[in-house]
Amino acid sequence: MNLLVVDDHAVVREGLKRALSQEGFDSIDEADCVSTARAKISALAPDVAVIDINLPEGTGFELVRWIRSYSKSIGIVVLTLHHEENYIVAAMNAGASAFVSKSEPISFLIAAIKHSAIAPLTFSAHGLDAVLRHSHSELTAREFDLLAQLEKGMTTQEISEVMFISQSTVKTHLASIYRKLEVNNRTAAVHALHQRGLTR
């Protein structure tokens, strides 16, 4: 099985490669950003990509969406420090095969990798049943991406240009975000994001 580990921290990548090697995986490549990951996926077509959410040049969610549009057969495991329900739902909606918190045992990651290689279009995560019961109020991956632009202080037009969507679509996403976070303006949305521990 060919694996690609995508994380912006060299120590994390080395640690994962070592741990995975000890579990019998012997073909493991790595990438530290979105552009490198895309290039390696196009060139190597790995069986499974293990992706962190926090990445330079974009977000892990953007990379997940790109991979899933590129291939329906690549397993995608989101591996992150975050374990909030919002992130699990966002990963699922983006097209990931599995979601694993970095605080979980390595056995969880191994199981997720093996399962995603066999069934890349399914989704697994610890506590998924409970998450799905509350998913109507969770932020989507696209809404997380838009919130990241809000944090930078971008205007509606700037967000529209960066995310390649119309200004009316930006406003629709904003309305959904305000409703889910129970706020009524951008400043309050960003504040709620930090207050609830949902920042990437």
C-alpha atoms as a PDB file:
ATOM      1  CA  MET A   1       0.000   0.000   0.000  1.00  0.00           C
ATOM      2  CA  ASN A   2       1.363   3.420  -0.982  1.00  0.00           C
ATOM      3  CA  LEU A   3       0.775   6.196   1.555  1.00  0.00           C
ATOM      4  CA  LEU A   4       1.174   9.965   1.434  1.00  0.00           C
ATOM      5  CA  VAL A   5       1.473  11.869   4.726  1.00  0.00           C
ATOM      6  CA  VAL A   6       0.575  15.561   4.414  1.00  0.00           C
ATOM      7  CA  ASP A   7       1.482  17.729   7.417  1.00  0.00           C
ATOM      8  CA  ASP A   8       3.301  21.049   7.704  1.00  0.00           C
ATOM      9  CA  HIS A   9       5.423  19.908  10.672  1.00  0.00           C
ATOM     10  CA  ALA A  10       8.529  17.852   9.822  1.00  0.00           C
ATOM     11  CA  VAL A  11       8.592  16.273  13.289  1.00  0.00           C
ATOM     12  CA  VAL A  12       4.995  15.056  12.880  1.00  0.00           C
ATOM     13  CA  ARG A  13       5.701  13.660   9.409  1.00  0.00           C
ATOM     14  CA  GLU A  14       8.793  11.800  10.629  1.00  0.00           C
ATOM     15  CA  GLY A  15       6.954  10.472  13.672  1.00  0.00           C
ATOM     16  CA  LEU A  16       4.062   9.228  11.564  1.00  0.00           C
ATOM     17  CA  LYS A  17       6.364   7.626   9.004  1.00  0.00           C
ATOM     18  CA  ARG A  18       8.264   5.828  11.771  1.00  0.00           C
ATOM     19  CA  ALA A  19       5.082   4.635  13.479  1.00  0.00           C
ATOM     20  CA  LEU A  20       3.524   3.483  10.216  1.00  0.00           C
ATOM     21  CA  SER A  21       6.718   1.702   9.169  1.00  0.00           C
ATOM     22  CA  GLN A  22       6.662  -0.221  12.440  1.00  0.00           C
ATOM     23  CA  GLU A  23       3.125  -1.314  11.574  1.00  0.00           C
ATOM     24  CA  GLY A  24       4.281  -2.800   8.265  1.00  0.00           C
ATOM     25  CA  PHE A  25       3.759   0.063   5.826  1.00  0.00           C
ATOM     26  CA  ASP A  26       6.906   0.369   3.730  1.00  0.00           C
ATOM     27  CA  SER A  27       5.977   2.816   0.963  1.00  0.00           C
ATOM     28  CA  ILE A  28       5.385   6.197   2.605  1.00  0.00           C
ATOM     29  CA  ASP A  29       5.913   9.562   0.925  1.00  0.00           C
ATOM     30  CA  GLU A  30       5.341  12.996   2.440  1.00  0.00           C
ATOM     31  CA  ALA A  31       4.305  16.556   1.613  1.00  0.00           C
ATOM     32  CA  ASP A  32       4.359  19.739   3.690  1.00  0.00           C
ATOM     33  CA  CYS A  33       1.832  21.893   1.820  1.00  0.00           C
ATOM     34  CA  VAL A  34      -1.138  21.761  -0.551  1.00  0.00           C
ATOM     35  CA  SER A  35       0.797  22.328  -3.798  1.00  0.00           C
ATOM     36  CA  THR A  36       3.394  19.642  -3.027  1.00  0.00           C
ATOM     37  CA  ALA A  37       0.628  17.243  -2.018  1.00  0.00           C
ATOM     38  CA  ARG A  38      -1.229  17.830  -5.295  1.00  0.00           C
ATOM     39  CA  ALA A  39       1.929  17.242  -7.317  1.00  0.00           C
ATOM     40  CA  LYS A  40       2.745  14.011  -5.491  1.00  0.00           C
ATOM     41  CA  ILE A  41      -0.808  12.724  -5.738  1.00  0.00           C
ATOM     42  CA  SER A  42      -0.831  13.393  -9.495  1.00  0.00           C
ATOM     43  CA  ALA A  43       2.555  11.699  -9.934  1.00  0.00           C
ATOM     44  CA  LEU A  44       2.291   8.804  -7.470  1.00  0.00           C
ATOM     45  CA  ALA A  45      -1.455   8.093  -7.137  1.00  0.00           C
ATOM     46  CA  PRO A  46      -1.165   6.857  -3.520  1.00  0.00           C
ATOM     47  CA  ASP A  47      -3.670   4.364  -2.145  1.00  0.00           C
ATOM     48  CA  VAL A  48      -4.270   6.528   0.929  1.00  0.00           C
ATOM     49  CA  ALA A  49      -3.475  10.151   1.835  1.00  0.00           C
ATOM     50  CA  VAL A  50      -3.260  11.122   5.532  1.00  0.00           C
ATOM     51  CA  ILE A  51      -3.948  14.860   5.750  1.00  0.00           C
ATOM     52  CA  ASP A  52      -3.730  17.481   8.486  1.00  0.00           C
ATOM     53  CA  ILE A  53      -6.267  20.336   8.385  1.00  0.00           C
ATOM     54  CA  ASN A  54      -3.683  23.069   9.075  1.00  0.00           C
ATOM     55  CA  LEU A  55      -1.632  23.495   5.902  1.00  0.00           C
ATOM     56  CA  PRO A  56       0.188  26.311   4.117  1.00  0.00           C
ATOM     57  CA  GLU A  57      -1.303  27.553   0.837  1.00  0.00           C
ATOM     58  CA  GLY A  58      -4.834  26.578   1.768  1.00  0.00           C
ATOM     59  CA  THR A  59      -6.592  24.187   4.114  1.00  0.00           C
ATOM     60  CA  GLY A  60      -6.704  20.444   4.466  1.00  0.00           C
ATOM     61  CA  PHE A  61     -10.394  20.591   3.572  1.00  0.00           C
ATOM     62  CA  GLU A  62      -9.548  22.204   0.225  1.00  0.00           C
ATOM     63  CA  LEU A  63      -7.033  19.443  -0.460  1.00  0.00           C
ATOM     64  CA  VAL A  64      -9.565  16.764   0.483  1.00  0.00           C
ATOM     65  CA  ARG A  65     -12.114  18.220  -1.952  1.00  0.00           C
ATOM     66  CA  TRP A  66      -9.486  18.385  -4.710  1.00  0.00           C
ATOM     67  CA  ILE A  67      -8.407  14.777  -4.161  1.00  0.00           C
ATOM     68  CA  ARG A  68     -11.986  13.530  -4.173  1.00  0.00           C
ATOM     69  CA  SER A  69     -12.720  15.380  -7.426  1.00  0.00           C
ATOM     70  CA  TYR A  70      -9.484  13.957  -8.859  1.00  0.00           C
ATOM     71  CA  SER A  71     -10.036  10.370  -7.726  1.00  0.00           C
ATOM     72  CA  LYS A  72     -12.815   8.284  -6.252  1.00  0.00           C
ATOM     73  CA  SER A  73     -10.404   5.466  -5.367  1.00  0.00           C
ATOM     74  CA  ILE A  74      -7.875   7.235  -3.123  1.00  0.00           C
ATOM     75  CA  GLY A  75      -8.549   6.795   0.585  1.00  0.00           C
ATOM     76  CA  ILE A  76      -8.435  10.086   2.501  1.00  0.00           C
ATOM     77  CA  VAL A  77      -7.817  10.136   6.253  1.00  0.00           C
ATOM     78  CA  VAL A  78      -8.052  13.511   7.996  1.00  0.00           C
ATOM     79  CA  LEU A  79      -5.657  13.490  10.969  1.00  0.00           C
ATOM     80  CA  THR A  80      -5.914  16.541  13.209  1.00  0.00           C
ATOM     81  CA  LEU A  81      -5.547  17.902  16.731  1.00  0.00           C
ATOM     82  CA  HIS A  82      -9.191  18.941  16.573  1.00  0.00           C
ATOM     83  CA  HIS A  83     -11.947  16.559  17.585  1.00  0.00           C
ATOM     84  CA  GLU A  84     -14.986  18.852  17.668  1.00  0.00           C
ATOM     85  CA  GLU A  85     -18.120  17.710  15.841  1.00  0.00           C
ATOM     86  CA  ASN A  86     -17.847  20.604  13.375  1.00  0.00           C
ATOM     87  CA  TYR A  87     -14.573  19.252  12.037  1.00  0.00           C
ATOM     88  CA  ILE A  88     -15.859  15.706  11.704  1.00  0.00           C
ATOM     89  CA  VAL A  89     -18.900  16.834   9.709  1.00  0.00           C
ATOM     90  CA  ALA A  90     -16.773  19.184   7.592  1.00  0.00           C
ATOM     91  CA  ALA A  91     -14.335  16.359   6.773  1.00  0.00           C
ATOM     92  CA  MET A  92     -17.190  14.059   5.826  1.00  0.00           C
ATOM     93  CA  ASN A  93     -18.812  16.708   3.614  1.00  0.00           C
ATOM     94  CA  ALA A  94     -15.502  17.470   1.909  1.00  0.00           C
ATOM     95  CA  GLY A  95     -15.170  13.836   0.811  1.00  0.00           C
ATOM     96  CA  ALA A  96     -12.809  12.307   3.364  1.00  0.00           C
ATOM     97  CA  SER A  97     -12.928   8.571   4.073  1.00  0.00           C
ATOM     98  CA  ALA A  98     -12.108   8.850   7.770  1.00  0.00           C
ATOM     99  CA  PHE A  99     -11.420  11.317  10.572  1.00  0.00           C
ATOM    100  CA  VAL A 100      -8.889  10.596  13.307  1.00  0.00           C
ATOM    101  CA  SER A 101      -7.809  12.856  16.174  1.00  0.00           C
ATOM    102  CA  LYS A 102      -4.069  13.039  16.869  1.00  0.00           C
ATOM    103  CA  SER A 103      -4.889  12.324  20.514  1.00  0.00           C
ATOM    104  CA  GLU A 104      -6.191   8.858  19.613  1.00  0.00           C
ATOM    105  CA  PRO A 105      -3.997   5.711  19.663  1.00  0.00           C
ATOM    106  CA  ILE A 106      -2.015   4.776  16.548  1.00  0.00           C
ATOM    107  CA  SER A 107      -4.295   1.735  16.203  1.00  0.00           C
ATOM    108  CA  PHE A 108      -7.165   4.097  15.302  1.00  0.00           C
ATOM    109  CA  LEU A 109      -5.100   5.594  12.484  1.00  0.00           C
ATOM    110  CA  ILE A 110      -4.013   2.162  11.202  1.00  0.00           C
ATOM    111  CA  ALA A 111      -7.625   0.965  11.153  1.00  0.00           C
ATOM    112  CA  ALA A 112      -8.746   4.138   9.365  1.00  0.00           C
ATOM    113  CA  ILE A 113      -6.012   3.786   6.728  1.00  0.00           C
ATOM    114  CA  LYS A 114      -6.836   0.140   6.030  1.00  0.00           C
ATOM    115  CA  HIS A 115     -10.572   0.763   5.874  1.00  0.00           C
ATOM    116  CA  SER A 116     -10.265   3.837   3.649  1.00  0.00           C
ATOM    117  CA  ALA A 117      -8.078   1.911   1.204  1.00  0.00           C
ATOM    118  CA  ILE A 118     -10.815  -0.704   0.838  1.00  0.00           C
ATOM    119  CA  ALA A 119     -13.831   1.626   0.955  1.00  0.00           C
ATOM    120  CA  PRO A 120     -12.665   5.173   0.098  1.00  0.00           C
ATOM    121  CA  LEU A 121     -16.173   6.542  -0.447  1.00  0.00           C
ATOM    122  CA  THR A 122     -17.442   5.580   3.001  1.00  0.00           C
ATOM    123  CA  PHE A 123     -16.771   7.634   6.128  1.00  0.00           C
ATOM    124  CA  SER A 124     -15.715   6.609   9.625  1.00  0.00           C
ATOM    125  CA  ALA A 125     -14.927   8.578  12.775  1.00  0.00           C
ATOM    126  CA  HIS A 126     -14.970   7.946  16.510  1.00  0.00           C
ATOM    127  CA  GLY A 127     -18.407   8.893  17.844  1.00  0.00           C
ATOM    128  CA  LEU A 128     -19.881   9.419  14.369  1.00  0.00           C
ATOM    129  CA  ASP A 129     -23.421   8.394  15.388  1.00  0.00           C
ATOM    130  CA  ALA A 130     -23.625  11.157  17.979  1.00  0.00           C
ATOM    131  CA  VAL A 131     -22.170  13.646  15.517  1.00  0.00           C
ATOM    132  CA  LEU A 132     -24.766  12.852  12.862  1.00  0.00           C
ATOM    133  CA  ARG A 133     -27.576  13.409  15.340  1.00  0.00           C
ATOM    134  CA  HIS A 134     -26.395  17.020  15.749  1.00  0.00           C
ATOM    135  CA  SER A 135     -25.102  17.652  12.214  1.00  0.00           C
ATOM    136  CA  HIS A 136     -27.900  20.059  11.248  1.00  0.00           C
ATOM    137  CA  SER A 137     -26.140  22.791  13.242  1.00  0.00           C
ATOM    138  CA  GLU A 138     -22.537  22.009  12.287  1.00  0.00           C
ATOM    139  CA  LEU A 139     -20.393  24.120   9.982  1.00  0.00           C
ATOM    140  CA  THR A 140     -19.491  22.665   6.589  1.00  0.00           C
ATOM    141  CA  ALA A 141     -15.938  22.530   5.207  1.00  0.00           C
ATOM    142  CA  ARG A 142     -16.787  25.397   2.839  1.00  0.00           C
ATOM    143  CA  GLU A 143     -18.081  27.490   5.733  1.00  0.00           C
ATOM    144  CA  PHE A 144     -14.852  26.853   7.645  1.00  0.00           C
ATOM    145  CA  ASP A 145     -12.901  28.035   4.594  1.00  0.00           C
ATOM    146  CA  LEU A 146     -14.989  31.204   4.417  1.00  0.00           C
ATOM    147  CA  LEU A 147     -14.551  31.856   8.135  1.00  0.00           C
ATOM    148  CA  ALA A 148     -10.787  31.623   7.625  1.00  0.00           C
ATOM    149  CA  GLN A 149     -11.086  34.526   5.174  1.00  0.00           C
ATOM    150  CA  LEU A 150     -13.267  36.468   7.610  1.00  0.00           C
ATOM    151  CA  GLU A 151     -10.527  36.141  10.222  1.00  0.00           C
ATOM    152  CA  LYS A 152      -8.184  37.888   7.792  1.00  0.00           C
ATOM    153  CA  GLY A 153     -10.623  40.805   7.571  1.00  0.00           C
ATOM    154  CA  MET A 154     -11.540  40.251   3.917  1.00  0.00           C
ATOM    155  CA  THR A 155     -14.544  41.955   2.345  1.00  0.00           C
ATOM    156  CA  THR A 156     -17.335  40.072   0.583  1.00  0.00           C
ATOM    157  CA  GLN A 157     -15.790  40.913  -2.798  1.00  0.00           C
ATOM    158  CA  GLU A 158     -12.325  39.754  -1.710  1.00  0.00           C
ATOM    159  CA  ILE A 159     -13.726  36.488  -0.348  1.00  0.00           C
ATOM    160  CA  SER A 160     -15.603  36.016  -3.606  1.00  0.00           C
ATOM    161  CA  GLU A 161     -12.392  36.398  -5.607  1.00  0.00           C
ATOM    162  CA  VAL A 162     -10.241  34.189  -3.349  1.00  0.00           C
ATOM    163  CA  MET A 163     -12.797  31.361  -3.142  1.00  0.00           C
ATOM    164  CA  PHE A 164     -13.927  31.659  -6.774  1.00  0.00           C
ATOM    165  CA  ILE A 165     -17.608  32.029  -5.876  1.00  0.00           C
ATOM    166  CA  SER A 166     -20.103  34.818  -6.487  1.00  0.00           C
ATOM    167  CA  GLN A 167     -20.739  37.524  -3.911  1.00  0.00           C
ATOM    168  CA  SER A 168     -24.314  36.282  -3.522  1.00  0.00           C
ATOM    169  CA  THR A 169     -22.967  32.812  -2.674  1.00  0.00           C
ATOM    170  CA  VAL A 170     -20.660  34.384  -0.091  1.00  0.00           C
ATOM    171  CA  LYS A 171     -23.677  36.105   1.467  1.00  0.00           C
ATOM    172  CA  THR A 172     -25.621  32.824   1.487  1.00  0.00           C
ATOM    173  CA  HIS A 173     -22.743  31.092   3.290  1.00  0.00           C
ATOM    174  CA  LEU A 174     -22.499  33.985   5.753  1.00  0.00           C
ATOM    175  CA  ALA A 175     -26.211  33.757   6.540  1.00  0.00           C
ATOM    176  CA  SER A 176     -25.817  30.020   7.222  1.00  0.00           C
ATOM    177  CA  ILE A 177     -22.762  30.635   9.417  1.00  0.00           C
ATOM    178  CA  TYR A 178     -24.549  33.339  11.425  1.00  0.00           C
ATOM    179  CA  ARG A 179     -27.520  31.022  11.971  1.00  0.00           C
ATOM    180  CA  LYS A 180     -25.385  28.080  13.102  1.00  0.00           C
ATOM    181  CA  LEU A 181     -23.184  30.176  15.399  1.00  0.00           C
ATOM    182  CA  GLU A 182     -26.209  32.175  16.618  1.00  0.00           C
ATOM    183  CA  VAL A 183     -24.676  35.563  15.775  1.00  0.00           C
ATOM    184  CA  ASN A 184     -25.635  38.418  13.441  1.00  0.00           C
ATOM    185  CA  ASN A 185     -22.385  39.911  12.139  1.00  0.00           C
ATOM    186  CA  ARG A 186     -18.837  39.047  11.045  1.00  0.00           C
ATOM    187  CA  THR A 187     -17.074  40.182  14.194  1.00  0.00           C
ATOM    188  CA  ALA A 188     -19.390  38.111  16.364  1.00  0.00           C
ATOM    189  CA  ALA A 189     -18.916  35.097  14.060  1.00  0.00           C
ATOM    190  CA  VAL A 190     -15.126  35.225  14.389  1.00  0.00           C
ATOM    191  CA  HIS A 191     -15.440  35.746  18.145  1.00  0.00           C
ATOM    192  CA  ALA A 192     -17.792  32.752  18.434  1.00  0.00           C
ATOM    193  CA  LEU A 193     -15.345  30.681  16.392  1.00  0.00           C
ATOM    194  CA  HIS A 194     -12.559  31.351  18.904  1.00  0.00           C
ATOM    195  CA  GLN A 195     -14.845  31.102  21.935  1.00  0.00           C
ATOM    196  CA  ARG A 196     -16.023  27.629  20.945  1.00  0.00           C
ATOM    197  CA  GLY A 197     -12.525  26.419  20.168  1.00  0.00           C
ATOM    198  CA  LEU A 198     -13.259  25.906  16.473  1.00  0.00           C
ATOM    199  CA  THR A 199     -10.251  27.721  15.049  1.00  0.00           C
ATOM    200  CA  ARG A 200      -7.861  25.682  12.967  1.00  0.00           C
END
